[in-house]
Amino acid sequence: MNIEEFYDQDPKRRASEEVEYGTDWTDANGVRAELSWIADTGELYVMAEPVEPLGSDGIGDLYVQNMPTDAITVELLGAFPSREDLERKLEGWEAAMGGPSSLEWVRARVA
């Protein structure tokens, strides 16, 4: 599902505090993703966003084009009743994040 669909499914998601667990996770294809926990719902999710394309303004300057929200996808990994419970599962996440296909590490830890 895309990011807007994800937030629209549960109004508590949009209003809640979120705790980020890194922005440089990668999937098997090398796509970068962010890992976050929503305090009010206890949900841990991955948000994957393709690399934004570069555009040119016609005189040689480059800029990052806007990414449509339907290109930003969300995968719900599970729910954890407390941040402490989740942090026990994710112990060592900072070191694991930089590895290849690092999202597999997360999925295995929270399964």
Protein backbone atom coordinates (compact mmCIF):
# COMPACT_ATOMS: atom_id res chain seq x y z
CA MET A 1 0.00 0.00 0.00
CA ASN A 2 1.17 3.57 -0.44
CA ILE A 3 1.90 5.93 2.44
CA GLU A 4 -1.40 7.83 2.19
CA GLU A 5 -3.45 4.61 2.21
CA PHE A 6 -1.51 3.46 5.25
CA TYR A 7 -2.24 6.60 7.28
CA ASP A 8 -5.85 6.79 6.07
CA GLN A 9 -6.60 3.27 7.36
CA ASP A 10 -6.19 4.36 10.99
CA PRO A 11 -6.46 8.02 12.07
CA LYS A 12 -4.37 7.25 15.19
CA ARG A 13 -1.37 6.66 12.93
CA ARG A 14 -1.31 10.19 11.53
CA ALA A 15 -1.59 11.92 14.92
CA SER A 16 0.84 9.70 16.83
CA GLU A 17 4.43 10.25 17.82
CA GLU A 18 6.76 8.07 15.73
CA VAL A 19 10.16 6.70 16.66
CA GLU A 20 12.56 6.23 13.78
CA TYR A 21 14.92 3.27 13.69
CA GLY A 22 17.09 4.36 10.81
CA THR A 23 16.67 5.59 7.25
CA ASP A 24 19.26 3.51 5.42
CA TRP A 25 17.78 0.02 5.42
CA THR A 26 17.87 -1.83 2.09
CA ASP A 27 15.86 -4.60 0.53
CA ALA A 28 17.18 -7.38 -1.72
CA ASN A 29 17.09 -4.99 -4.70
CA GLY A 30 19.02 -2.27 -2.89
CA VAL A 31 15.99 0.01 -2.47
CA ARG A 32 16.45 2.31 0.52
CA ALA A 33 13.85 2.23 3.28
CA GLU A 34 13.05 3.79 6.65
CA LEU A 35 11.98 1.87 9.73
CA SER A 36 9.56 3.51 12.19
CA TRP A 37 7.39 2.63 15.19
CA ILE A 38 4.04 4.35 15.82
CA ALA A 39 3.59 4.93 19.55
CA ASP A 40 -0.24 5.04 19.65
CA THR A 41 -0.75 1.81 17.69
CA GLY A 42 2.46 -0.06 18.54
CA GLU A 43 3.01 -0.73 14.83
CA LEU A 44 6.43 -1.15 13.29
CA TYR A 45 6.55 -0.37 9.59
CA VAL A 46 8.97 0.01 6.71
CA MET A 47 8.55 2.87 4.25
CA ALA A 48 10.34 2.34 0.93
CA GLU A 49 10.89 5.25 -1.38
CA PRO A 50 12.50 4.99 -4.80
CA VAL A 51 15.38 7.37 -5.46
CA GLU A 52 13.99 10.69 -6.59
CA PRO A 53 14.78 11.42 -10.24
CA LEU A 54 16.88 14.45 -11.12
CA GLY A 55 15.50 17.07 -13.47
CA SER A 56 17.10 19.91 -15.35
CA ASP A 57 15.80 23.46 -15.47
CA GLY A 58 17.01 24.04 -19.02
CA ILE A 59 20.02 26.17 -18.14
CA GLY A 60 22.07 23.37 -16.65
CA ASP A 61 20.95 23.40 -13.02
CA LEU A 62 19.75 20.09 -11.60
CA TYR A 63 17.00 19.61 -9.03
CA VAL A 64 15.31 16.68 -7.32
CA GLN A 65 11.86 16.05 -8.74
CA ASN A 66 8.95 15.46 -6.38
CA MET A 67 8.10 11.82 -5.73
CA PRO A 68 4.38 11.00 -6.03
CA THR A 69 2.94 9.58 -2.81
CA ASP A 70 1.77 6.42 -4.58
CA ALA A 71 5.44 5.57 -5.24
CA ILE A 72 6.15 5.53 -1.49
CA THR A 73 5.17 2.10 -0.20
CA VAL A 74 4.60 0.82 3.32
CA GLU A 75 4.99 -2.67 4.75
CA LEU A 76 3.60 -3.32 8.21
CA LEU A 77 5.97 -5.64 10.10
CA GLY A 78 4.04 -6.14 13.33
CA ALA A 79 2.77 -4.58 16.52
CA PHE A 80 4.63 -4.26 19.80
CA PRO A 81 2.86 -3.25 23.01
CA SER A 82 5.75 -1.13 24.23
CA ARG A 83 8.81 0.60 22.88
CA GLU A 84 10.92 -1.36 25.35
CA ASP A 85 9.64 -4.66 23.95
CA LEU A 86 10.47 -3.55 20.40
CA GLU A 87 13.91 -2.29 21.36
CA ARG A 88 14.77 -5.68 22.86
CA LYS A 89 13.88 -7.27 19.51
CA LEU A 90 15.86 -4.68 17.55
CA GLU A 91 18.97 -4.71 19.74
CA GLY A 92 21.95 -4.06 17.46
CA TRP A 93 19.90 -2.39 14.70
CA GLU A 94 22.40 0.42 14.16
CA ALA A 95 25.12 -2.03 13.12
CA ALA A 96 22.76 -4.23 11.08
CA MET A 97 21.31 -1.36 9.05
CA GLY A 98 24.39 -0.88 6.87
CA GLY A 99 24.55 -4.46 5.62
CA PRO A 100 23.23 -5.70 2.28
CA SER A 101 19.52 -6.63 2.30
CA SER A 102 19.39 -5.35 5.86
CA LEU A 103 15.58 -5.44 5.98
CA GLU A 104 15.84 -9.23 6.13
CA TRP A 105 17.60 -8.80 9.48
CA VAL A 106 14.67 -6.72 10.74
CA ARG A 107 12.06 -9.17 9.45
CA ALA A 108 13.84 -12.08 11.12
CA ARG A 109 14.14 -10.23 14.44
CA VAL A 110 10.50 -9.21 14.65
CA ALA A 111 8.92 -12.36 13.20
